[in-house]
Every structure is written in C-alpha cells, then in structure tokens.
PDB file of all heavy atoms in Angstrom:
ATOM      1  N   VAL A   1      38.553  13.671  35.063  1.00  0.00           N
ATOM      2  CA  VAL A   1      39.475  14.673  35.586  1.00  0.00           C
ATOM      3  C   VAL A   1      39.405  15.950  34.749  1.00  0.00           C
ATOM      4  O   VAL A   1      39.521  17.070  35.293  1.00  0.00           O
ATOM      5  CB  VAL A   1      40.914  14.123  35.654  1.00  0.00           C
ATOM      6  CG1 VAL A   1      41.517  13.903  34.269  1.00  0.00           C
ATOM      7  CG2 VAL A   1      41.798  15.039  36.484  1.00  0.00           C
ATOM      8  N   GLU A   2      39.181  15.841  33.438  1.00  0.00           N
ATOM      9  CA  GLU A   2      39.046  17.040  32.607  1.00  0.00           C
ATOM     10  C   GLU A   2      37.780  17.807  32.972  1.00  0.00           C
ATOM     11  O   GLU A   2      37.772  19.047  32.983  1.00  0.00           O
ATOM     12  CB  GLU A   2      39.005  16.674  31.121  1.00  0.00           C
ATOM     13  CG  GLU A   2      38.927  17.899  30.202  1.00  0.00           C
ATOM     14  CD  GLU A   2      38.825  17.544  28.735  1.00  0.00           C
ATOM     15  OE1 GLU A   2      38.966  16.355  28.390  1.00  0.00           O
ATOM     16  OE2 GLU A   2      38.595  18.470  27.928  1.00  0.00           O
ATOM     17  N   ILE A   3      36.713  17.086  33.290  1.00  0.00           N
ATOM     18  CA  ILE A   3      35.491  17.748  33.742  1.00  0.00           C
ATOM     19  C   ILE A   3      35.782  18.586  34.980  1.00  0.00           C
ATOM     20  O   ILE A   3      35.427  19.770  35.059  1.00  0.00           O
ATOM     21  CB  ILE A   3      34.396  16.713  34.058  1.00  0.00           C
ATOM     22  CG1 ILE A   3      33.966  15.970  32.794  1.00  0.00           C
ATOM     23  CG2 ILE A   3      33.184  17.375  34.705  1.00  0.00           C
ATOM     24  CD1 ILE A   3      33.093  14.757  33.078  1.00  0.00           C
ATOM     25  N   ALA A   4      36.430  17.946  35.962  1.00  0.00           N
ATOM     26  CA  ALA A   4      36.724  18.641  37.217  1.00  0.00           C
ATOM     27  C   ALA A   4      37.639  19.839  36.983  1.00  0.00           C
ATOM     28  O   ALA A   4      37.403  20.938  37.524  1.00  0.00           O
ATOM     29  CB  ALA A   4      37.353  17.666  38.206  1.00  0.00           C
ATOM     30  N   GLU A   5      38.685  19.659  36.203  1.00  0.00           N
ATOM     31  CA  GLU A   5      39.642  20.752  35.986  1.00  0.00           C
ATOM     32  C   GLU A   5      39.021  21.888  35.174  1.00  0.00           C
ATOM     33  O   GLU A   5      39.319  23.067  35.415  1.00  0.00           O
ATOM     34  CB  GLU A   5      40.891  20.201  35.292  1.00  0.00           C
ATOM     35  CG  GLU A   5      41.719  19.300  36.216  1.00  0.00           C
ATOM     36  CD  GLU A   5      42.900  18.647  35.520  1.00  0.00           C
ATOM     37  OE1 GLU A   5      42.969  18.744  34.269  1.00  0.00           O
ATOM     38  OE2 GLU A   5      43.757  18.057  36.205  1.00  0.00           O
ATOM     39  N   THR A   6      38.135  21.567  34.230  1.00  0.00           N
ATOM     40  CA  THR A   6      37.449  22.615  33.464  1.00  0.00           C
ATOM     41  C   THR A   6      36.533  23.415  34.371  1.00  0.00           C
ATOM     42  O   THR A   6      36.487  24.657  34.294  1.00  0.00           O
ATOM     43  CB  THR A   6      36.632  21.992  32.312  1.00  0.00           C
ATOM     44  OG1 THR A   6      37.518  21.302  31.426  1.00  0.00           O
ATOM     45  CG2 THR A   6      35.877  23.067  31.542  1.00  0.00           C
ATOM     46  N   ILE A   7      35.802  22.721  35.243  1.00  0.00           N
ATOM     47  CA  ILE A   7      34.908  23.427  36.169  1.00  0.00           C
ATOM     48  C   ILE A   7      35.716  24.302  37.119  1.00  0.00           C
ATOM     49  O   ILE A   7      35.325  25.434  37.438  1.00  0.00           O
ATOM     50  CB  ILE A   7      34.029  22.422  36.930  1.00  0.00           C
ATOM     51  CG1 ILE A   7      33.024  21.796  35.966  1.00  0.00           C
ATOM     52  CG2 ILE A   7      33.302  23.083  38.105  1.00  0.00           C
ATOM     53  CD1 ILE A   7      32.204  20.661  36.554  1.00  0.00           C
ATOM     54  N   ALA A   8      36.868  23.809  37.557  1.00  0.00           N
ATOM     55  CA  ALA A   8      37.719  24.619  38.435  1.00  0.00           C
ATOM     56  C   ALA A   8      38.203  25.875  37.710  1.00  0.00           C
ATOM     57  O   ALA A   8      38.192  26.975  38.274  1.00  0.00           O
ATOM     58  CB  ALA A   8      38.902  23.789  38.917  1.00  0.00           C
ATOM     59  N   ALA A   9      38.604  25.727  36.449  1.00  0.00           N
ATOM     60  CA  ALA A   9      39.107  26.870  35.685  1.00  0.00           C
ATOM     61  C   ALA A   9      37.997  27.879  35.394  1.00  0.00           C
ATOM     62  O   ALA A   9      38.182  29.096  35.574  1.00  0.00           O
ATOM     63  CB  ALA A   9      39.729  26.388  34.383  1.00  0.00           C
ATOM     64  N   VAL A  10      36.848  27.390  34.951  1.00  0.00           N
ATOM     65  CA  VAL A  10      35.732  28.295  34.676  1.00  0.00           C
ATOM     66  C   VAL A  10      35.211  28.896  35.975  1.00  0.00           C
ATOM     67  O   VAL A  10      34.811  30.066  36.032  1.00  0.00           O
ATOM     68  CB  VAL A  10      34.603  27.551  33.925  1.00  0.00           C
ATOM     69  CG1 VAL A  10      33.411  28.468  33.690  1.00  0.00           C
ATOM     70  CG2 VAL A  10      35.120  27.014  32.593  1.00  0.00           C
ATOM     71  N   GLY A  11      35.234  28.099  37.046  1.00  0.00           N
ATOM     72  CA  GLY A  11      34.806  28.607  38.351  1.00  0.00           C
ATOM     73  C   GLY A  11      35.653  29.768  38.819  1.00  0.00           C
ATOM     74  O   GLY A  11      35.146  30.714  39.440  1.00  0.00           O
ATOM     75  N   ASP A  12      36.939  29.721  38.504  1.00  0.00           N
ATOM     76  CA  ASP A  12      37.833  30.819  38.871  1.00  0.00           C
ATOM     77  C   ASP A  12      37.375  32.125  38.225  1.00  0.00           C
ATOM     78  O   ASP A  12      37.445  33.198  38.835  1.00  0.00           O
ATOM     79  CB  ASP A  12      39.263  30.482  38.445  1.00  0.00           C
ATOM     80  CG  ASP A  12      40.269  31.520  38.915  1.00  0.00           C
ATOM     81  OD1 ASP A  12      40.401  31.702  40.137  1.00  0.00           O
ATOM     82  OD2 ASP A  12      40.905  32.149  38.049  1.00  0.00           O
ATOM     83  N   GLU A  13      36.862  32.041  36.982  1.00  0.00           N
ATOM     84  CA  GLU A  13      36.354  33.219  36.293  1.00  0.00           C
ATOM     85  C   GLU A  13      35.074  33.746  36.948  1.00  0.00           C
ATOM     86  O   GLU A  13      34.702  34.903  36.753  1.00  0.00           O
ATOM     87  CB  GLU A  13      36.078  32.875  34.832  1.00  0.00           C
ATOM     88  CG  GLU A  13      37.320  32.440  34.062  1.00  0.00           C
ATOM     89  CD  GLU A  13      36.988  31.914  32.685  1.00  0.00           C
ATOM     90  OE1 GLU A  13      35.801  31.994  32.298  1.00  0.00           O
ATOM     91  OE2 GLU A  13      37.896  31.413  31.985  1.00  0.00           O
ATOM     92  N   HIS A  14      34.399  32.876  37.720  1.00  0.00           N
ATOM     93  CA  HIS A  14      33.179  33.272  38.432  1.00  0.00           C
ATOM     94  C   HIS A  14      33.459  33.625  39.896  1.00  0.00           C
ATOM     95  O   HIS A  14      32.531  33.754  40.703  1.00  0.00           O
ATOM     96  CB  HIS A  14      32.156  32.139  38.380  1.00  0.00           C
ATOM     97  CG  HIS A  14      31.489  31.972  37.039  1.00  0.00           C
ATOM     98  ND1 HIS A  14      32.153  31.487  35.936  1.00  0.00           N
ATOM     99  CD2 HIS A  14      30.214  32.232  36.639  1.00  0.00           C
ATOM    100  CE1 HIS A  14      31.323  31.454  34.910  1.00  0.00           C
ATOM    101  NE2 HIS A  14      30.156  31.901  35.297  1.00  0.00           N
ATOM    102  N   GLY A  15      34.737  33.749  40.238  1.00  0.00           N
ATOM    103  CA  GLY A  15      35.106  34.099  41.610  1.00  0.00           C
ATOM    104  C   GLY A  15      34.992  32.945  42.583  1.00  0.00           C
ATOM    105  O   GLY A  15      34.908  33.162  43.797  1.00  0.00           O
ATOM    106  N   LEU A  16      35.018  31.722  42.073  1.00  0.00           N
ATOM    107  CA  LEU A  16      34.916  30.540  42.926  1.00  0.00           C
ATOM    108  C   LEU A  16      36.299  29.925  43.110  1.00  0.00           C
ATOM    109  O   LEU A  16      37.061  29.778  42.154  1.00  0.00           O
ATOM    110  CB  LEU A  16      33.971  29.502  42.305  1.00  0.00           C
ATOM    111  CG  LEU A  16      32.538  29.957  42.008  1.00  0.00           C
ATOM    112  CD1 LEU A  16      31.792  28.868  41.248  1.00  0.00           C
ATOM    113  CD2 LEU A  16      31.806  30.291  43.309  1.00  0.00           C
ATOM    114  N   ASP A  17      36.625  29.570  44.328  1.00  0.00           N
ATOM    115  CA  ASP A  17      37.895  28.909  44.628  1.00  0.00           C
ATOM    116  C   ASP A  17      37.626  27.413  44.673  1.00  0.00           C
ATOM    117  O   ASP A  17      37.173  26.881  45.685  1.00  0.00           O
ATOM    118  CB  ASP A  17      38.448  29.410  45.962  1.00  0.00           C
ATOM    119  CG  ASP A  17      39.818  28.828  46.280  1.00  0.00           C
ATOM    120  OD1 ASP A  17      40.424  28.231  45.360  1.00  0.00           O
ATOM    121  OD2 ASP A  17      40.266  28.938  47.436  1.00  0.00           O
ATOM    122  N   VAL A  18      37.885  26.734  43.563  1.00  0.00           N
ATOM    123  CA  VAL A  18      37.505  25.332  43.420  1.00  0.00           C
ATOM    124  C   VAL A  18      38.733  24.439  43.492  1.00  0.00           C
ATOM    125  O   VAL A  18      39.675  24.590  42.703  1.00  0.00           O
ATOM    126  CB  VAL A  18      36.778  25.086  42.080  1.00  0.00           C
ATOM    127  CG1 VAL A  18      36.288  23.647  42.004  1.00  0.00           C
ATOM    128  CG2 VAL A  18      35.626  26.068  41.916  1.00  0.00           C
ATOM    129  N   ALA A  19      38.731  23.521  44.443  1.00  0.00           N
ATOM    130  CA  ALA A  19      39.826  22.567  44.579  1.00  0.00           C
ATOM    131  C   ALA A  19      39.426  21.240  43.942  1.00  0.00           C
ATOM    132  O   ALA A  19      38.266  20.826  44.007  1.00  0.00           O
ATOM    133  CB  ALA A  19      40.159  22.350  46.052  1.00  0.00           C
ATOM    134  N   VAL A  20      40.388  20.577  43.311  1.00  0.00           N
ATOM    135  CA  VAL A  20      40.177  19.242  42.751  1.00  0.00           C
ATOM    136  C   VAL A  20      41.019  18.262  43.555  1.00  0.00           C
ATOM    137  O   VAL A  20      42.242  18.419  43.654  1.00  0.00           O
ATOM    138  CB  VAL A  20      40.577  19.188  41.266  1.00  0.00           C
ATOM    139  CG1 VAL A  20      40.403  17.768  40.720  1.00  0.00           C
ATOM    140  CG2 VAL A  20      39.756  20.180  40.448  1.00  0.00           C
ATOM    141  N   GLU A  21      40.377  17.278  44.160  1.00  0.00           N
ATOM    142  CA  GLU A  21      41.061  16.310  45.005  1.00  0.00           C
ATOM    143  C   GLU A  21      40.928  14.915  44.411  1.00  0.00           C
ATOM    144  O   GLU A  21      39.853  14.520  43.951  1.00  0.00           O
ATOM    145  CB  GLU A  21      40.474  16.319  46.421  1.00  0.00           C
ATOM    146  CG  GLU A  21      40.669  17.640  47.160  1.00  0.00           C
ATOM    147  CD  GLU A  21      40.094  17.591  48.568  1.00  0.00           C
ATOM    148  OE1 GLU A  21      39.444  16.565  48.908  1.00  0.00           O
ATOM    149  OE2 GLU A  21      40.276  18.567  49.313  1.00  0.00           O
ATOM    150  N   HIS A  22      42.016  14.161  44.433  1.00  0.00           N
ATOM    151  CA  HIS A  22      42.010  12.770  43.980  1.00  0.00           C
ATOM    152  C   HIS A  22      42.028  11.866  45.208  1.00  0.00           C
ATOM    153  O   HIS A  22      42.823  12.073  46.134  1.00  0.00           O
ATOM    154  CB  HIS A  22      43.237  12.476  43.107  1.00  0.00           C
ATOM    155  CG  HIS A  22      43.209  13.172  41.779  1.00  0.00           C
ATOM    156  ND1 HIS A  22      42.893  12.526  40.609  1.00  0.00           N
ATOM    157  CD2 HIS A  22      43.453  14.472  41.444  1.00  0.00           C
ATOM    158  CE1 HIS A  22      42.942  13.388  39.599  1.00  0.00           C
ATOM    159  NE2 HIS A  22      43.290  14.576  40.081  1.00  0.00           N
ATOM    160  N   ILE A  23      41.138  10.879  45.225  1.00  0.00           N
ATOM    161  CA  ILE A  23      41.128   9.903  46.313  1.00  0.00           C
ATOM    162  C   ILE A  23      41.193   8.504  45.714  1.00  0.00           C
ATOM    163  O   ILE A  23      40.936   8.312  44.513  1.00  0.00           O
ATOM    164  CB  ILE A  23      39.875  10.034  47.203  1.00  0.00           C
ATOM    165  CG1 ILE A  23      38.602   9.719  46.403  1.00  0.00           C
ATOM    166  CG2 ILE A  23      39.799  11.417  47.829  1.00  0.00           C
ATOM    167  CD1 ILE A  23      37.356   9.665  47.272  1.00  0.00           C
ATOM    168  N   GLU A  24      41.528   7.543  46.533  1.00  0.00           N
ATOM    169  CA  GLU A  24      41.618   6.168  46.053  1.00  0.00           C
ATOM    170  C   GLU A  24      40.273   5.721  45.493  1.00  0.00           C
ATOM    171  O   GLU A  24      39.223   5.964  46.086  1.00  0.00           O
ATOM    172  CB  GLU A  24      42.044   5.239  47.187  1.00  0.00           C
ATOM    173  CG  GLU A  24      42.241   3.804  46.737  1.00  0.00           C
ATOM    174  CD  GLU A  24      42.735   2.909  47.866  1.00  0.00           C
ATOM    175  OE1 GLU A  24      43.032   3.440  48.962  1.00  0.00           O
ATOM    176  OE2 GLU A  24      42.815   1.687  47.640  1.00  0.00           O
ATOM    177  N   ASN A  25      40.309   5.092  44.351  1.00  0.00           N
ATOM    178  CA  ASN A  25      39.077   4.678  43.675  1.00  0.00           C
ATOM    179  C   ASN A  25      38.457   3.471  44.364  1.00  0.00           C
ATOM    180  O   ASN A  25      39.066   2.401  44.408  1.00  0.00           O
ATOM    181  CB  ASN A  25      39.374   4.352  42.200  1.00  0.00           C
ATOM    182  CG  ASN A  25      38.116   4.263  41.364  1.00  0.00           C
ATOM    183  OD1 ASN A  25      37.008   4.168  41.883  1.00  0.00           O
ATOM    184  ND2 ASN A  25      38.283   4.271  40.059  1.00  0.00           N
ATOM    185  N   PRO A  26      37.235   3.614  44.909  1.00  0.00           N
ATOM    186  CA  PRO A  26      36.582   2.475  45.557  1.00  0.00           C
ATOM    187  C   PRO A  26      35.905   1.543  44.561  1.00  0.00           C
ATOM    188  O   PRO A  26      35.411   0.480  44.933  1.00  0.00           O
ATOM    189  CB  PRO A  26      35.540   3.158  46.449  1.00  0.00           C
ATOM    190  CG  PRO A  26      35.156   4.384  45.690  1.00  0.00           C
ATOM    191  CD  PRO A  26      36.427   4.849  44.999  1.00  0.00           C
ATOM    192  N   ARG A  27      35.861   1.937  43.283  1.00  0.00           N
ATOM    193  CA  ARG A  27      35.158   1.166  42.262  1.00  0.00           C
ATOM    194  C   ARG A  27      36.119   0.244  41.517  1.00  0.00           C
ATOM    195  O   ARG A  27      37.279   0.574  41.305  1.00  0.00           O
ATOM    196  CB  ARG A  27      34.481   2.101  41.256  1.00  0.00           C
ATOM    197  CG  ARG A  27      33.471   3.044  41.869  1.00  0.00           C
ATOM    198  CD  ARG A  27      33.053   4.092  40.849  1.00  0.00           C
ATOM    199  NE  ARG A  27      32.047   5.005  41.380  1.00  0.00           N
ATOM    200  CZ  ARG A  27      31.740   6.171  40.845  1.00  0.00           C
ATOM    201  NH1 ARG A  27      32.352   6.558  39.739  1.00  0.00           N
ATOM    202  NH2 ARG A  27      30.819   6.946  41.390  1.00  0.00           N
TER     203      ARG A  27
END
C-alpha cells in the first residue's frame, strides 16, 4: 500500500491523476 500511495503522490507531481483502489485479496 505504501508503494501505491507513494506512486500516487509522486504521480500528482507529474500531472497524473492516480487512484488507489483496494479489492478483496484473492491470495
């Protein structure tokens, strides 16, 4: 989740609108 949230935050600095979605874990 930290990977995803970091990419979303850094992506915002690159003009990217990045959503992080949680789904039920199939594993």
